[in-house]
Amino acid sequence: MTEIVMTPIGKVQKDVSWGEDTSSIVLEKEYVSGLKGLDAVDGTPVLDIKPYYPVYDK
């Protein structure tokens, strides 16, 4: 049986890396993350992060 681990939105286990770009994620307080290198408006919620693949994202 597969173990399912539920984590609250904003709880991050490690850095996220896509090819040459790396976004470091630092937990500032419970359920809030500081994202570096993310193209988004400051203060908006981030529910999902997907990698950028130049081949598919033209």
PDB file of N, CA and C in Angstrom:
ATOM      1  N   MET A   1       0.842  -1.179   0.000  1.00  0.00           N
ATOM      2  CA  MET A   1       0.000   0.000   0.000  1.00  0.00           C
ATOM      3  C   MET A   1       0.889   1.245   0.000  1.00  0.00           C
ATOM      4  N   THR A   2       0.520   2.249  -0.782  1.00  0.00           N
ATOM      5  CA  THR A   2       1.288   3.482  -0.881  1.00  0.00           C
ATOM      6  C   THR A   2       0.967   4.404   0.279  1.00  0.00           C
ATOM      7  N   GLU A   3       2.014   4.955   0.882  1.00  0.00           N
ATOM      8  CA  GLU A   3       1.822   5.906   1.973  1.00  0.00           C
ATOM      9  C   GLU A   3       1.524   7.283   1.393  1.00  0.00           C
ATOM     10  N   ILE A   4       0.470   7.922   1.863  1.00  0.00           N
ATOM     11  CA  ILE A   4       0.104   9.266   1.427  1.00  0.00           C
ATOM     12  C   ILE A   4       0.442  10.227   2.556  1.00  0.00           C
ATOM     13  N   VAL A   5       1.276  11.215   2.249  1.00  0.00           N
ATOM     14  CA  VAL A   5       1.671  12.206   3.245  1.00  0.00           C
ATOM     15  C   VAL A   5       1.032  13.531   2.866  1.00  0.00           C
ATOM     16  N   MET A   6       0.180  14.044   3.723  1.00  0.00           N
ATOM     17  CA  MET A   6      -0.493  15.319   3.478  1.00  0.00           C
ATOM     18  C   MET A   6       0.321  16.442   4.104  1.00  0.00           C
ATOM     19  N   THR A   7       0.628  17.476   3.322  1.00  0.00           N
ATOM     20  CA  THR A   7       1.305  18.649   3.852  1.00  0.00           C
ATOM     21  C   THR A   7       0.451  19.872   3.554  1.00  0.00           C
ATOM     22  N   PRO A   8       0.389  20.813   4.472  1.00  0.00           N
ATOM     23  CA  PRO A   8      -0.401  22.021   4.236  1.00  0.00           C
ATOM     24  C   PRO A   8       0.175  22.848   3.091  1.00  0.00           C
ATOM     25  N   ILE A   9      -0.661  23.680   2.477  1.00  0.00           N
ATOM     26  CA  ILE A   9      -0.200  24.571   1.418  1.00  0.00           C
ATOM     27  C   ILE A   9       0.890  25.466   1.994  1.00  0.00           C
ATOM     28  N   GLY A  10       2.005  25.567   1.299  1.00  0.00           N
ATOM     29  CA  GLY A  10       3.107  26.414   1.741  1.00  0.00           C
ATOM     30  C   GLY A  10       4.198  25.674   2.470  1.00  0.00           C
ATOM     31  N   LYS A  11       3.976  24.439   2.868  1.00  0.00           N
ATOM     32  CA  LYS A  11       5.022  23.672   3.535  1.00  0.00           C
ATOM     33  C   LYS A  11       5.877  23.009   2.468  1.00  0.00           C
ATOM     34  N   VAL A  12       7.146  23.328   2.467  1.00  0.00           N
ATOM     35  CA  VAL A  12       8.049  22.868   1.421  1.00  0.00           C
ATOM     36  C   VAL A  12       9.131  22.001   2.032  1.00  0.00           C
ATOM     37  N   GLN A  13       9.472  20.931   1.347  1.00  0.00           N
ATOM     38  CA  GLN A  13      10.469  19.999   1.850  1.00  0.00           C
ATOM     39  C   GLN A  13      11.885  20.345   1.402  1.00  0.00           C
ATOM     40  N   LYS A  14      12.062  20.894   0.191  1.00  0.00           N
ATOM     41  CA  LYS A  14      13.405  21.144  -0.336  1.00  0.00           C
ATOM     42  C   LYS A  14      13.349  22.174  -1.449  1.00  0.00           C
ATOM     43  N   ASP A  15      14.538  22.566  -1.957  1.00  0.00           N
ATOM     44  CA  ASP A  15      14.619  23.505  -3.073  1.00  0.00           C
ATOM     45  C   ASP A  15      14.051  22.874  -4.337  1.00  0.00           C
ATOM     46  N   VAL A  16      13.527  23.710  -5.208  1.00  0.00           N
ATOM     47  CA  VAL A  16      12.958  23.263  -6.471  1.00  0.00           C
ATOM     48  C   VAL A  16      13.940  23.637  -7.571  1.00  0.00           C
ATOM     49  N   SER A  17      14.292  22.684  -8.431  1.00  0.00           N
ATOM     50  CA  SER A  17      15.272  22.942  -9.481  1.00  0.00           C
ATOM     51  C   SER A  17      14.732  22.478 -10.826  1.00  0.00           C
ATOM     52  N   TRP A  18      14.845  23.361 -11.843  1.00  0.00           N
ATOM     53  CA  TRP A  18      14.438  23.023 -13.199  1.00  0.00           C
ATOM     54  C   TRP A  18      15.587  23.378 -14.125  1.00  0.00           C
ATOM     55  N   GLY A  19      16.323  22.392 -14.594  1.00  0.00           N
ATOM     56  CA  GLY A  19      17.425  22.639 -15.519  1.00  0.00           C
ATOM     57  C   GLY A  19      18.471  23.554 -14.907  1.00  0.00           C
ATOM     58  N   GLU A  20      18.684  24.715 -15.544  1.00  0.00           N
ATOM     59  CA  GLU A  20      19.690  25.659 -15.067  1.00  0.00           C
ATOM     60  C   GLU A  20      19.144  26.577 -13.985  1.00  0.00           C
ATOM     61  N   ASP A  21      17.825  26.754 -13.914  1.00  0.00           N
ATOM     62  CA  ASP A  21      17.224  27.669 -12.945  1.00  0.00           C
ATOM     63  C   ASP A  21      16.904  26.940 -11.653  1.00  0.00           C
ATOM     64  N   THR A  22      17.200  27.584 -10.549  1.00  0.00           N
ATOM     65  CA  THR A  22      16.865  27.034  -9.241  1.00  0.00           C
ATOM     66  C   THR A  22      16.127  28.095  -8.452  1.00  0.00           C
ATOM     67  N   SER A  23      14.984  27.747  -7.919  1.00  0.00           N
ATOM     68  CA  SER A  23      14.229  28.641  -7.052  1.00  0.00           C
ATOM     69  C   SER A  23      14.407  28.160  -5.628  1.00  0.00           C
ATOM     70  N   SER A  24      14.944  29.005  -4.785  1.00  0.00           N
ATOM     71  CA  SER A  24      15.079  28.594  -3.392  1.00  0.00           C
ATOM     72  C   SER A  24      13.830  29.011  -2.640  1.00  0.00           C
ATOM     73  N   ILE A  25      13.323  28.116  -1.840  1.00  0.00           N
ATOM     74  CA  ILE A  25      12.087  28.347  -1.106  1.00  0.00           C
ATOM     75  C   ILE A  25      12.422  28.340   0.379  1.00  0.00           C
ATOM     76  N   VAL A  26      12.089  29.412   1.050  1.00  0.00           N
ATOM     77  CA  VAL A  26      12.401  29.551   2.462  1.00  0.00           C
ATOM     78  C   VAL A  26      11.096  29.754   3.223  1.00  0.00           C
ATOM     79  N   LEU A  27      10.879  28.937   4.243  1.00  0.00           N
ATOM     80  CA  LEU A  27       9.688  29.115   5.062  1.00  0.00           C
ATOM     81  C   LEU A  27       9.906  30.281   6.008  1.00  0.00           C
ATOM     82  N   GLU A  28       9.082  31.329   5.886  1.00  0.00           N
ATOM     83  CA  GLU A  28       9.217  32.491   6.752  1.00  0.00           C
ATOM     84  C   GLU A  28       8.371  32.334   8.008  1.00  0.00           C
ATOM     85  N   LYS A  29       7.171  31.813   7.857  1.00  0.00           N
ATOM     86  CA  LYS A  29       6.306  31.514   8.987  1.00  0.00           C
ATOM     87  C   LYS A  29       5.351  30.411   8.546  1.00  0.00           C
ATOM     88  N   GLU A  30       4.590  29.882   9.449  1.00  0.00           N
ATOM     89  CA  GLU A  30       3.741  28.731   9.146  1.00  0.00           C
ATOM     90  C   GLU A  30       2.829  28.995   7.948  1.00  0.00           C
ATOM     91  N   TYR A  31       2.883  28.106   6.970  1.00  0.00           N
ATOM     92  CA  TYR A  31       2.054  28.116   5.761  1.00  0.00           C
ATOM     93  C   TYR A  31       2.351  29.280   4.817  1.00  0.00           C
ATOM     94  N   VAL A  32       3.442  29.990   5.016  1.00  0.00           N
ATOM     95  CA  VAL A  32       3.813  31.078   4.111  1.00  0.00           C
ATOM     96  C   VAL A  32       5.240  30.830   3.641  1.00  0.00           C
ATOM     97  N   SER A  33       5.471  30.918   2.337  1.00  0.00           N
ATOM     98  CA  SER A  33       6.810  30.685   1.787  1.00  0.00           C
ATOM     99  C   SER A  33       7.330  31.947   1.127  1.00  0.00           C
ATOM    100  N   GLY A  34       8.629  32.142   1.167  1.00  0.00           N
ATOM    101  CA  GLY A  34       9.257  33.201   0.392  1.00  0.00           C
ATOM    102  C   GLY A  34       9.838  32.559  -0.850  1.00  0.00           C
ATOM    103  N   LEU A  35       9.341  32.923  -2.012  1.00  0.00           N
ATOM    104  CA  LEU A  35       9.798  32.318  -3.263  1.00  0.00           C
ATOM    105  C   LEU A  35      10.735  33.275  -3.978  1.00  0.00           C
ATOM    106  N   LYS A  36      11.910  32.805  -4.359  1.00  0.00           N
ATOM    107  CA  LYS A  36      12.875  33.601  -5.095  1.00  0.00           C
ATOM    108  C   LYS A  36      12.950  33.069  -6.520  1.00  0.00           C
ATOM    109  N   GLY A  37      12.862  33.956  -7.491  1.00  0.00           N
ATOM    110  CA  GLY A  37      12.951  33.544  -8.886  1.00  0.00           C
ATOM    111  C   GLY A  37      11.613  33.137  -9.477  1.00  0.00           C
ATOM    112  N   LEU A  38      10.516  33.543  -8.845  1.00  0.00           N
ATOM    113  CA  LEU A  38       9.179  33.193  -9.324  1.00  0.00           C
ATOM    114  C   LEU A  38       8.562  34.397 -10.016  1.00  0.00           C
ATOM    115  N   ASP A  39       7.978  34.196 -11.180  1.00  0.00           N
ATOM    116  CA  ASP A  39       7.324  35.266 -11.921  1.00  0.00           C
ATOM    117  C   ASP A  39       5.870  35.336 -11.470  1.00  0.00           C
ATOM    118  N   ALA A  40       5.604  36.152 -10.441  1.00  0.00           N
ATOM    119  CA  ALA A  40       4.252  36.283  -9.891  1.00  0.00           C
ATOM    120  C   ALA A  40       4.107  37.643  -9.219  1.00  0.00           C
ATOM    121  N   VAL A  41       2.876  38.031  -8.930  1.00  0.00           N
ATOM    122  CA  VAL A  41       2.596  39.283  -8.230  1.00  0.00           C
ATOM    123  C   VAL A  41       2.822  39.067  -6.738  1.00  0.00           C
ATOM    124  N   ASP A  42       3.521  40.010  -6.098  1.00  0.00           N
ATOM    125  CA  ASP A  42       3.844  39.920  -4.676  1.00  0.00           C
ATOM    126  C   ASP A  42       2.584  39.778  -3.821  1.00  0.00           C
ATOM    127  N   GLY A  43       2.577  38.796  -2.938  1.00  0.00           N
ATOM    128  CA  GLY A  43       1.480  38.616  -1.997  1.00  0.00           C
ATOM    129  C   GLY A  43       0.348  37.730  -2.487  1.00  0.00           C
ATOM    130  N   THR A  44       0.395  37.275  -3.740  1.00  0.00           N
ATOM    131  CA  THR A  44      -0.674  36.408  -4.236  1.00  0.00           C
ATOM    132  C   THR A  44      -0.402  34.962  -3.832  1.00  0.00           C
ATOM    133  N   PRO A  45      -1.454  34.177  -3.615  1.00  0.00           N
ATOM    134  CA  PRO A  45      -1.249  32.780  -3.205  1.00  0.00           C
ATOM    135  C   PRO A  45      -0.677  31.933  -4.340  1.00  0.00           C
ATOM    136  N   VAL A  46       0.204  31.017  -3.984  1.00  0.00           N
ATOM    137  CA  VAL A  46       0.771  30.062  -4.940  1.00  0.00           C
ATOM    138  C   VAL A  46       0.295  28.681  -4.514  1.00  0.00           C
ATOM    139  N   LEU A  47      -0.540  28.064  -5.336  1.00  0.00           N
ATOM    140  CA  LEU A  47      -1.098  26.763  -4.995  1.00  0.00           C
ATOM    141  C   LEU A  47      -0.365  25.610  -5.655  1.00  0.00           C
ATOM    142  N   ASP A  48       0.303  25.880  -6.765  1.00  0.00           N
ATOM    143  CA  ASP A  48       0.973  24.805  -7.486  1.00  0.00           C
ATOM    144  C   ASP A  48       2.132  25.396  -8.276  1.00  0.00           C
ATOM    145  N   ILE A  49       3.239  24.701  -8.317  1.00  0.00           N
ATOM    146  CA  ILE A  49       4.397  25.142  -9.086  1.00  0.00           C
ATOM    147  C   ILE A  49       4.722  24.056 -10.100  1.00  0.00           C
ATOM    148  N   LYS A  50       4.779  24.456 -11.348  1.00  0.00           N
ATOM    149  CA  LYS A  50       5.090  23.518 -12.424  1.00  0.00           C
ATOM    150  C   LYS A  50       6.444  23.898 -13.027  1.00  0.00           C
ATOM    151  N   PRO A  51       7.217  22.922 -13.467  1.00  0.00           N
ATOM    152  CA  PRO A  51       8.504  23.228 -14.100  1.00  0.00           C
ATOM    153  C   PRO A  51       8.309  23.848 -15.475  1.00  0.00           C
ATOM    154  N   TYR A  52       9.289  24.630 -15.907  1.00  0.00           N
ATOM    155  CA  TYR A  52       9.288  25.239 -17.232  1.00  0.00           C
ATOM    156  C   TYR A  52      10.102  24.363 -18.174  1.00  0.00           C
ATOM    157  N   TYR A  53       9.480  23.891 -19.230  1.00  0.00           N
ATOM    158  CA  TYR A  53      10.146  23.092 -20.247  1.00  0.00           C
ATOM    159  C   TYR A  53      10.120  23.873 -21.558  1.00  0.00           C
ATOM    160  N   PRO A  54      11.250  24.426 -21.997  1.00  0.00           N
ATOM    161  CA  PRO A  54      11.272  25.228 -23.224  1.00  0.00           C
ATOM    162  C   PRO A  54      10.705  24.495 -24.436  1.00  0.00           C
ATOM    163  N   VAL A  55      10.870  23.187 -24.496  1.00  0.00           N
ATOM    164  CA  VAL A  55      10.370  22.419 -25.637  1.00  0.00           C
ATOM    165  C   VAL A  55       8.846  22.504 -25.720  1.00  0.00           C
ATOM    166  N   TYR A  56       8.179  22.452 -24.574  1.00  0.00           N
ATOM    167  CA  TYR A  56       6.720  22.443 -24.543  1.00  0.00           C
ATOM    168  C   TYR A  56       6.120  23.830 -24.364  1.00  0.00           C
ATOM    169  N   ASP A  57       6.834  24.742 -23.715  1.00  0.00           N
ATOM    170  CA  ASP A  57       6.296  26.065 -23.383  1.00  0.00           C
ATOM    171  C   ASP A  57       6.802  27.128 -24.346  1.00  0.00           C
ATOM    172  N   LYS A  58       6.401  27.015 -25.604  1.00  0.00           N
ATOM    173  CA  LYS A  58       6.833  27.995 -26.612  1.00  0.00           C
ATOM    174  C   LYS A  58       5.758  29.012 -26.851  1.00  0.00           C
TER     175      LYS A  58
END
